[in-house]
Amino acid sequence: EVMQLLGLKESALRHMMCERRIPYYRQGKRAWFNRKEIEAWQLRNRVATNEEIDSAAATHCALHKIGITI
């Protein structure tokens, strides 16, 4: 089910588990995943829009009174 949710092959998922790059639970040889934790993990690396980046830059410049010269 996790492989389908993430669009991964079993080998890729196992590799991520070995590298501890994905949250999971283990008891003996069995592994379990918590859907909410996997969904939160998927959302952790959000990419900002150009508008958000421009707004953050303008705010930073205003707060730090940086003059921009061309």
PDB file of N, CA and C in Angstrom:
ATOM      1  N   GLU A   1       0.820  -1.192   0.000  1.00  0.00           N
ATOM      2  CA  GLU A   1       0.000   0.000   0.000  1.00  0.00           C
ATOM      3  C   GLU A   1       0.873   1.269   0.000  1.00  0.00           C
ATOM      4  N   VAL A   2       1.936   1.269   0.775  1.00  0.00           N
ATOM      5  CA  VAL A   2       2.840   2.428   0.813  1.00  0.00           C
ATOM      6  C   VAL A   2       3.551   2.591  -0.526  1.00  0.00           C
ATOM      7  N   MET A   3       3.914   1.478  -1.140  1.00  0.00           N
ATOM      8  CA  MET A   3       4.579   1.549  -2.450  1.00  0.00           C
ATOM      9  C   MET A   3       3.656   2.223  -3.462  1.00  0.00           C
ATOM     10  N   GLN A   4       2.373   1.877  -3.441  1.00  0.00           N
ATOM     11  CA  GLN A   4       1.416   2.485  -4.358  1.00  0.00           C
ATOM     12  C   GLN A   4       1.223   3.966  -4.036  1.00  0.00           C
ATOM     13  N   LEU A   5       1.107   4.286  -2.752  1.00  0.00           N
ATOM     14  CA  LEU A   5       0.910   5.669  -2.332  1.00  0.00           C
ATOM     15  C   LEU A   5       2.062   6.553  -2.802  1.00  0.00           C
ATOM     16  N   LEU A   6       3.289   6.035  -2.703  1.00  0.00           N
ATOM     17  CA  LEU A   6       4.472   6.817  -3.065  1.00  0.00           C
ATOM     18  C   LEU A   6       4.929   6.597  -4.507  1.00  0.00           C
ATOM     19  N   GLY A   7       4.369   5.595  -5.165  1.00  0.00           N
ATOM     20  CA  GLY A   7       4.772   5.294  -6.539  1.00  0.00           C
ATOM     21  C   GLY A   7       6.171   4.711  -6.612  1.00  0.00           C
ATOM     22  N   LEU A   8       6.504   3.863  -5.631  1.00  0.00           N
ATOM     23  CA  LEU A   8       7.839   3.268  -5.562  1.00  0.00           C
ATOM     24  C   LEU A   8       7.797   1.768  -5.772  1.00  0.00           C
ATOM     25  N   LYS A   9       8.917   1.223  -6.204  1.00  0.00           N
ATOM     26  CA  LYS A   9       9.084  -0.224  -6.248  1.00  0.00           C
ATOM     27  C   LYS A   9       9.517  -0.688  -4.861  1.00  0.00           C
ATOM     28  N   GLU A  10       9.330  -1.963  -4.587  1.00  0.00           N
ATOM     29  CA  GLU A  10       9.681  -2.502  -3.273  1.00  0.00           C
ATOM     30  C   GLU A  10      11.151  -2.265  -2.938  1.00  0.00           C
ATOM     31  N   SER A  11      12.030  -2.448  -3.918  1.00  0.00           N
ATOM     32  CA  SER A  11      13.459  -2.271  -3.659  1.00  0.00           C
ATOM     33  C   SER A  11      13.782  -0.831  -3.266  1.00  0.00           C
ATOM     34  N   ALA A  12      13.123   0.130  -3.900  1.00  0.00           N
ATOM     35  CA  ALA A  12      13.359   1.543  -3.577  1.00  0.00           C
ATOM     36  C   ALA A  12      12.866   1.865  -2.167  1.00  0.00           C
ATOM     37  N   LEU A  13      11.711   1.315  -1.805  1.00  0.00           N
ATOM     38  CA  LEU A  13      11.170   1.535  -0.468  1.00  0.00           C
ATOM     39  C   LEU A  13      12.085   0.921   0.590  1.00  0.00           C
ATOM     40  N   ARG A  14      12.553  -0.292   0.336  1.00  0.00           N
ATOM     41  CA  ARG A  14      13.459  -0.947   1.287  1.00  0.00           C
ATOM     42  C   ARG A  14      14.773  -0.162   1.428  1.00  0.00           C
ATOM     43  N   HIS A  15      15.252   0.376   0.329  1.00  0.00           N
ATOM     44  CA  HIS A  15      16.474   1.183   0.362  1.00  0.00           C
ATOM     45  C   HIS A  15      16.265   2.426   1.231  1.00  0.00           C
ATOM     46  N   MET A  16      15.116   3.079   1.078  1.00  0.00           N
ATOM     47  CA  MET A  16      14.802   4.261   1.877  1.00  0.00           C
ATOM     48  C   MET A  16      14.691   3.895   3.354  1.00  0.00           C
ATOM     49  N   MET A  17      14.159   2.716   3.637  1.00  0.00           N
ATOM     50  CA  MET A  17      14.047   2.260   5.018  1.00  0.00           C
ATOM     51  C   MET A  17      15.434   2.007   5.608  1.00  0.00           C
ATOM     52  N   CYS A  18      16.290   1.370   4.852  1.00  0.00           N
ATOM     53  CA  CYS A  18      17.651   1.084   5.329  1.00  0.00           C
ATOM     54  C   CYS A  18      18.413   2.367   5.623  1.00  0.00           C
ATOM     55  N   GLU A  19      18.184   3.393   4.825  1.00  0.00           N
ATOM     56  CA  GLU A  19      18.858   4.677   5.016  1.00  0.00           C
ATOM     57  C   GLU A  19      18.133   5.563   6.021  1.00  0.00           C
ATOM     58  N   ARG A  20      17.014   5.059   6.563  1.00  0.00           N
ATOM     59  CA  ARG A  20      16.184   5.794   7.536  1.00  0.00           C
ATOM     60  C   ARG A  20      15.727   7.132   6.971  1.00  0.00           C
ATOM     61  N   ARG A  21      15.314   7.114   5.704  1.00  0.00           N
ATOM     62  CA  ARG A  21      14.836   8.327   5.041  1.00  0.00           C
ATOM     63  C   ARG A  21      13.323   8.431   5.076  1.00  0.00           C
ATOM     64  N   ILE A  22      12.637   7.399   5.572  1.00  0.00           N
ATOM     65  CA  ILE A  22      11.186   7.365   5.599  1.00  0.00           C
ATOM     66  C   ILE A  22      10.751   6.843   6.970  1.00  0.00           C
ATOM     67  N   PRO A  23       9.681   7.414   7.553  1.00  0.00           N
ATOM     68  CA  PRO A  23       9.261   6.950   8.875  1.00  0.00           C
ATOM     69  C   PRO A  23       8.544   5.595   8.802  1.00  0.00           C
ATOM     70  N   TYR A  24       8.965   4.679   9.676  1.00  0.00           N
ATOM     71  CA  TYR A  24       8.305   3.375   9.733  1.00  0.00           C
ATOM     72  C   TYR A  24       8.546   2.743  11.092  1.00  0.00           C
ATOM     73  N   TYR A  25       7.826   1.666  11.353  1.00  0.00           N
ATOM     74  CA  TYR A  25       7.949   0.921  12.601  1.00  0.00           C
ATOM     75  C   TYR A  25       8.378  -0.486  12.267  1.00  0.00           C
ATOM     76  N   ARG A  26       9.168  -1.089  13.146  1.00  0.00           N
ATOM     77  CA  ARG A  26       9.660  -2.431  12.886  1.00  0.00           C
ATOM     78  C   ARG A  26       9.529  -3.273  14.146  1.00  0.00           C
ATOM     79  N   GLN A  27       9.096  -4.508  13.932  1.00  0.00           N
ATOM     80  CA  GLN A  27       9.094  -5.514  14.990  1.00  0.00           C
ATOM     81  C   GLN A  27       9.579  -6.802  14.348  1.00  0.00           C
ATOM     82  N   GLY A  28      10.783  -7.179  14.714  1.00  0.00           N
ATOM     83  CA  GLY A  28      11.385  -8.338  14.062  1.00  0.00           C
ATOM     84  C   GLY A  28      11.652  -8.020  12.609  1.00  0.00           C
ATOM     85  N   LYS A  29      11.160  -8.877  11.720  1.00  0.00           N
ATOM     86  CA  LYS A  29      11.357  -8.674  10.278  1.00  0.00           C
ATOM     87  C   LYS A  29      10.204  -7.932   9.624  1.00  0.00           C
ATOM     88  N   ARG A  30       9.159  -7.631  10.381  1.00  0.00           N
ATOM     89  CA  ARG A  30       7.988  -6.958   9.820  1.00  0.00           C
ATOM     90  C   ARG A  30       8.093  -5.452   9.985  1.00  0.00           C
ATOM     91  N   ALA A  31       7.620  -4.735   8.996  1.00  0.00           N
ATOM     92  CA  ALA A  31       7.630  -3.271   9.031  1.00  0.00           C
ATOM     93  C   ALA A  31       6.211  -2.758   8.851  1.00  0.00           C
ATOM     94  N   TRP A  32       5.896  -1.670   9.583  1.00  0.00           N
ATOM     95  CA  TRP A  32       4.597  -1.028   9.480  1.00  0.00           C
ATOM     96  C   TRP A  32       4.795   0.442   9.202  1.00  0.00           C
ATOM     97  N   PHE A  33       3.790   1.028   8.558  1.00  0.00           N
ATOM     98  CA  PHE A  33       3.811   2.447   8.241  1.00  0.00           C
ATOM     99  C   PHE A  33       2.521   3.079   8.760  1.00  0.00           C
ATOM    100  N   ASN A  34       2.632   4.303   9.225  1.00  0.00           N
ATOM    101  CA  ASN A  34       1.470   5.068   9.657  1.00  0.00           C
ATOM    102  C   ASN A  34       1.130   6.021   8.516  1.00  0.00           C
ATOM    103  N   ARG A  35      -0.075   5.905   7.972  1.00  0.00           N
ATOM    104  CA  ARG A  35      -0.461   6.698   6.800  1.00  0.00           C
ATOM    105  C   ARG A  35      -0.290   8.196   7.053  1.00  0.00           C
ATOM    106  N   LYS A  36      -0.719   8.677   8.217  1.00  0.00           N
ATOM    107  CA  LYS A  36      -0.605  10.113   8.507  1.00  0.00           C
ATOM    108  C   LYS A  36       0.856  10.549   8.551  1.00  0.00           C
ATOM    109  N   GLU A  37       1.729   9.708   9.096  1.00  0.00           N
ATOM    110  CA  GLU A  37       3.153  10.040   9.124  1.00  0.00           C
ATOM    111  C   GLU A  37       3.747  10.047   7.721  1.00  0.00           C
ATOM    112  N   ILE A  38       3.332   9.111   6.886  1.00  0.00           N
ATOM    113  CA  ILE A  38       3.831   9.067   5.502  1.00  0.00           C
ATOM    114  C   ILE A  38       3.347  10.292   4.736  1.00  0.00           C
ATOM    115  N   GLU A  39       2.074  10.658   4.915  1.00  0.00           N
ATOM    116  CA  GLU A  39       1.548  11.837   4.225  1.00  0.00           C
ATOM    117  C   GLU A  39       2.261  13.107   4.701  1.00  0.00           C
ATOM    118  N   ALA A  40       2.523  13.221   5.997  1.00  0.00           N
ATOM    119  CA  ALA A  40       3.257  14.378   6.520  1.00  0.00           C
ATOM    120  C   ALA A  40       4.679  14.391   5.969  1.00  0.00           C
ATOM    121  N   TRP A  41       5.284  13.223   5.867  1.00  0.00           N
ATOM    122  CA  TRP A  41       6.634  13.101   5.321  1.00  0.00           C
ATOM    123  C   TRP A  41       6.660  13.563   3.858  1.00  0.00           C
ATOM    124  N   GLN A  42       5.616  13.210   3.108  1.00  0.00           N
ATOM    125  CA  GLN A  42       5.536  13.627   1.708  1.00  0.00           C
ATOM    126  C   GLN A  42       5.462  15.149   1.578  1.00  0.00           C
ATOM    127  N   LEU A  43       4.836  15.808   2.537  1.00  0.00           N
ATOM    128  CA  LEU A  43       4.612  17.249   2.451  1.00  0.00           C
ATOM    129  C   LEU A  43       5.734  18.079   3.055  1.00  0.00           C
ATOM    130  N   ARG A  44       6.793  17.468   3.536  1.00  0.00           N
ATOM    131  CA  ARG A  44       7.817  18.193   4.275  1.00  0.00           C
ATOM    132  C   ARG A  44       8.710  19.076   3.404  1.00  0.00           C
ATOM    133  N   ASN A  45       8.834  18.825   2.140  1.00  0.00           N
ATOM    134  CA  ASN A  45       9.745  19.595   1.281  1.00  0.00           C
ATOM    135  C   ASN A  45       8.982  20.412   0.241  1.00  0.00           C
ATOM    136  N   ARG A  46       8.082  21.242   0.721  1.00  0.00           N
ATOM    137  CA  ARG A  46       7.276  22.055  -0.179  1.00  0.00           C
ATOM    138  C   ARG A  46       8.165  23.065  -0.904  1.00  0.00           C
ATOM    139  N   VAL A  47       7.896  23.252  -2.177  1.00  0.00           N
ATOM    140  CA  VAL A  47       8.630  24.226  -2.992  1.00  0.00           C
ATOM    141  C   VAL A  47       7.794  25.501  -3.052  1.00  0.00           C
ATOM    142  N   ALA A  48       8.399  26.608  -2.682  1.00  0.00           N
ATOM    143  CA  ALA A  48       7.693  27.892  -2.672  1.00  0.00           C
ATOM    144  C   ALA A  48       7.435  28.374  -4.095  1.00  0.00           C
ATOM    145  N   THR A  49       6.337  29.112  -4.267  1.00  0.00           N
ATOM    146  CA  THR A  49       6.024  29.692  -5.566  1.00  0.00           C
ATOM    147  C   THR A  49       6.898  30.928  -5.776  1.00  0.00           C
ATOM    148  N   ASN A  50       6.992  31.381  -7.007  1.00  0.00           N
ATOM    149  CA  ASN A  50       7.756  32.597  -7.303  1.00  0.00           C
ATOM    150  C   ASN A  50       7.187  33.787  -6.537  1.00  0.00           C
ATOM    151  N   GLU A  51       5.863  33.844  -6.428  1.00  0.00           N
ATOM    152  CA  GLU A  51       5.218  34.934  -5.697  1.00  0.00           C
ATOM    153  C   GLU A  51       5.632  34.918  -4.218  1.00  0.00           C
ATOM    154  N   GLU A  52       5.683  33.745  -3.604  1.00  0.00           N
ATOM    155  CA  GLU A  52       6.099  33.630  -2.203  1.00  0.00           C
ATOM    156  C   GLU A  52       7.562  34.037  -2.025  1.00  0.00           C
ATOM    157  N   ILE A  53       8.398  33.645  -2.961  1.00  0.00           N
ATOM    158  CA  ILE A  53       9.819  34.000  -2.901  1.00  0.00           C
ATOM    159  C   ILE A  53       9.998  35.508  -3.039  1.00  0.00           C
ATOM    160  N   ASP A  54       9.290  36.114  -3.992  1.00  0.00           N
ATOM    161  CA  ASP A  54       9.376  37.558  -4.197  1.00  0.00           C
ATOM    162  C   ASP A  54       8.897  38.315  -2.958  1.00  0.00           C
ATOM    163  N   SER A  55       7.815  37.833  -2.358  1.00  0.00           N
ATOM    164  CA  SER A  55       7.276  38.482  -1.165  1.00  0.00           C
ATOM    165  C   SER A  55       8.260  38.380   0.002  1.00  0.00           C
ATOM    166  N   ALA A  56       8.862  37.212   0.176  1.00  0.00           N
ATOM    167  CA  ALA A  56       9.841  37.030   1.255  1.00  0.00           C
ATOM    168  C   ALA A  56      11.061  37.911   1.023  1.00  0.00           C
ATOM    169  N   ALA A  57      11.485  38.034  -0.225  1.00  0.00           N
ATOM    170  CA  ALA A  57      12.646  38.878  -0.541  1.00  0.00           C
ATOM    171  C   ALA A  57      12.332  40.342  -0.264  1.00  0.00           C
ATOM    172  N   ALA A  58      11.141  40.790  -0.645  1.00  0.00           N
ATOM    173  CA  ALA A  58      10.749  42.177  -0.405  1.00  0.00           C
ATOM    174  C   ALA A  58      10.681  42.460   1.092  1.00  0.00           C
ATOM    175  N   THR A  59      10.127  41.526   1.840  1.00  0.00           N
ATOM    176  CA  THR A  59      10.050  41.680   3.296  1.00  0.00           C
ATOM    177  C   THR A  59      11.445  41.742   3.905  1.00  0.00           C
ATOM    178  N   HIS A  60      12.317  40.864   3.461  1.00  0.00           N
ATOM    179  CA  HIS A  60      13.693  40.843   3.968  1.00  0.00           C
ATOM    180  C   HIS A  60      14.391  42.171   3.687  1.00  0.00           C
ATOM    181  N   CYS A  61      14.242  42.651   2.464  1.00  0.00           N
ATOM    182  CA  CYS A  61      14.888  43.919   2.091  1.00  0.00           C
ATOM    183  C   CYS A  61      14.328  45.076   2.912  1.00  0.00           C
ATOM    184  N   ALA A  62      13.014  45.085   3.119  1.00  0.00           N
ATOM    185  CA  ALA A  62      12.395  46.168   3.891  1.00  0.00           C
ATOM    186  C   ALA A  62      12.861  46.122   5.335  1.00  0.00           C
ATOM    187  N   LEU A  63      12.966  44.960   5.912  1.00  0.00           N
ATOM    188  CA  LEU A  63      13.381  44.819   7.308  1.00  0.00           C
ATOM    189  C   LEU A  63      14.855  45.145   7.517  1.00  0.00           C
ATOM    190  N   HIS A  64      15.656  44.854   6.526  1.00  0.00           N
ATOM    191  CA  HIS A  64      17.091  45.065   6.656  1.00  0.00           C
ATOM    192  C   HIS A  64      17.592  46.276   5.905  1.00  0.00           C
ATOM    193  N   LYS A  65      16.651  47.010   5.298  1.00  0.00           N
ATOM    194  CA  LYS A  65      16.959  48.253   4.580  1.00  0.00           C
ATOM    195  C   LYS A  65      18.134  48.093   3.636  1.00  0.00           C
ATOM    196  N   ILE A  66      18.024  47.058   2.816  1.00  0.00           N
ATOM    197  CA  ILE A  66      19.083  46.771   1.847  1.00  0.00           C
ATOM    198  C   ILE A  66      18.812  47.558   0.568  1.00  0.00           C
ATOM    199  N   GLY A  67      19.804  48.298   0.141  1.00  0.00           N
ATOM    200  CA  GLY A  67      19.684  49.010  -1.129  1.00  0.00           C
ATOM    201  C   GLY A  67      20.145  48.111  -2.267  1.00  0.00           C
ATOM    202  N   ILE A  68      19.390  48.106  -3.338  1.00  0.00           N
ATOM    203  CA  ILE A  68      19.721  47.282  -4.485  1.00  0.00           C
ATOM    204  C   ILE A  68      20.226  48.184  -5.600  1.00  0.00           C
ATOM    205  N   THR A  69      21.432  47.915  -6.114  1.00  0.00           N
ATOM    206  CA  THR A  69      21.975  48.702  -7.226  1.00  0.00           C
ATOM    207  C   THR A  69      22.146  47.777  -8.421  1.00  0.00           C
ATOM    208  N   ILE A  70      21.962  48.367  -9.576  1.00  0.00           N
ATOM    209  CA  ILE A  70      22.099  47.590 -10.814  1.00  0.00           C
ATOM    210  C   ILE A  70      23.243  48.144 -11.624  1.00  0.00           C
TER     211      ILE A  70
END
